[in-house]
Amino acid sequence: MEAILLKSQTEEQINLIKEFAQKLGIEFSVINEEVLEDISLSNAIKTGKSKNYISSEDFLNELKNENSDR
């Protein structure tokens, strides 16, 4: 199964796409901005996951070093 995520600025465009999908017999879901952000965050976590673990101390030190110029 594959999915397409479309984002529109107008309700009219969304309604046109929904109508077209219904005519083609394609299942669809309309999601709000919060759900879209959750999906994006989940995808970013999956993409960045490396199974390499570092100590909490090393992690905090890296954060401090990145922000040392601020």
Protein backbone atom coordinates (compact mmCIF):
# COMPACT_ATOMS: atom_id res chain seq x y z
CA MET A 1 0.00 0.00 0.00
CA GLU A 2 1.17 3.50 -0.79
CA ALA A 3 -0.19 6.85 0.28
CA ILE A 4 -0.01 10.42 -0.90
CA LEU A 5 -0.10 13.39 1.44
CA LEU A 6 -1.39 16.60 -0.09
CA LYS A 7 -1.59 19.98 1.61
CA SER A 8 -3.76 22.80 0.32
CA GLN A 9 -4.32 26.40 1.29
CA THR A 10 -8.03 26.40 0.44
CA GLU A 11 -11.03 24.31 1.41
CA GLU A 12 -12.21 24.46 -2.21
CA GLN A 13 -9.11 22.63 -3.44
CA ILE A 14 -9.46 19.99 -0.73
CA ASN A 15 -13.09 19.43 -1.71
CA LEU A 16 -12.13 18.97 -5.36
CA ILE A 17 -9.50 16.40 -4.46
CA LYS A 18 -11.92 14.57 -2.14
CA GLU A 19 -14.55 14.48 -4.88
CA PHE A 20 -12.06 13.14 -7.40
CA ALA A 21 -10.83 10.47 -4.97
CA GLN A 22 -14.40 9.36 -4.28
CA LYS A 23 -15.10 9.02 -8.02
CA LEU A 24 -11.98 6.85 -8.38
CA GLY A 25 -12.90 4.75 -5.35
CA ILE A 26 -9.79 5.82 -3.45
CA GLU A 27 -9.87 5.85 0.34
CA PHE A 28 -8.79 9.12 1.92
CA SER A 29 -8.57 10.85 5.27
CA VAL A 30 -8.51 14.54 6.00
CA ILE A 31 -6.08 15.38 8.82
CA ASN A 32 -5.47 18.57 10.72
CA GLU A 33 -2.17 20.44 11.11
CA GLU A 34 -1.42 18.84 14.50
CA VAL A 35 -1.70 15.30 13.12
CA LEU A 36 0.45 16.31 10.14
CA GLU A 37 3.14 17.56 12.54
CA ASP A 38 2.98 14.30 14.51
CA ILE A 39 3.41 12.25 11.33
CA SER A 40 6.35 14.41 10.24
CA LEU A 41 8.03 14.12 13.64
CA SER A 42 7.55 10.35 13.67
CA ASN A 43 9.07 10.08 10.21
CA ALA A 44 12.04 12.24 11.22
CA ILE A 45 12.66 10.05 14.27
CA LYS A 46 12.53 6.86 12.18
CA THR A 47 14.88 8.35 9.59
CA GLY A 48 17.39 9.58 12.18
CA LYS A 49 17.36 6.46 14.33
CA SER A 50 20.79 4.82 14.17
CA LYS A 51 20.84 2.35 17.08
CA ASN A 52 24.04 4.03 18.23
CA TYR A 53 23.70 5.09 21.84
CA ILE A 54 25.72 7.67 23.72
CA SER A 55 25.78 8.51 27.39
CA SER A 56 23.55 11.27 28.76
CA GLU A 57 26.66 13.22 29.69
CA ASP A 58 28.05 13.08 26.13
CA PHE A 59 24.67 14.12 24.74
CA LEU A 60 24.42 17.12 27.06
CA ASN A 61 27.99 18.12 26.24
CA GLU A 62 27.19 18.03 22.52
CA LEU A 63 24.17 20.26 23.10
CA LYS A 64 26.28 22.71 25.10
CA ASN A 65 28.95 22.79 22.39
CA GLU A 66 26.38 23.43 19.63
CA ASN A 67 24.89 26.32 21.59
CA SER A 68 28.15 27.79 22.87
CA ASP A 69 28.03 30.66 20.37
CA ARG A 70 24.58 31.82 21.49
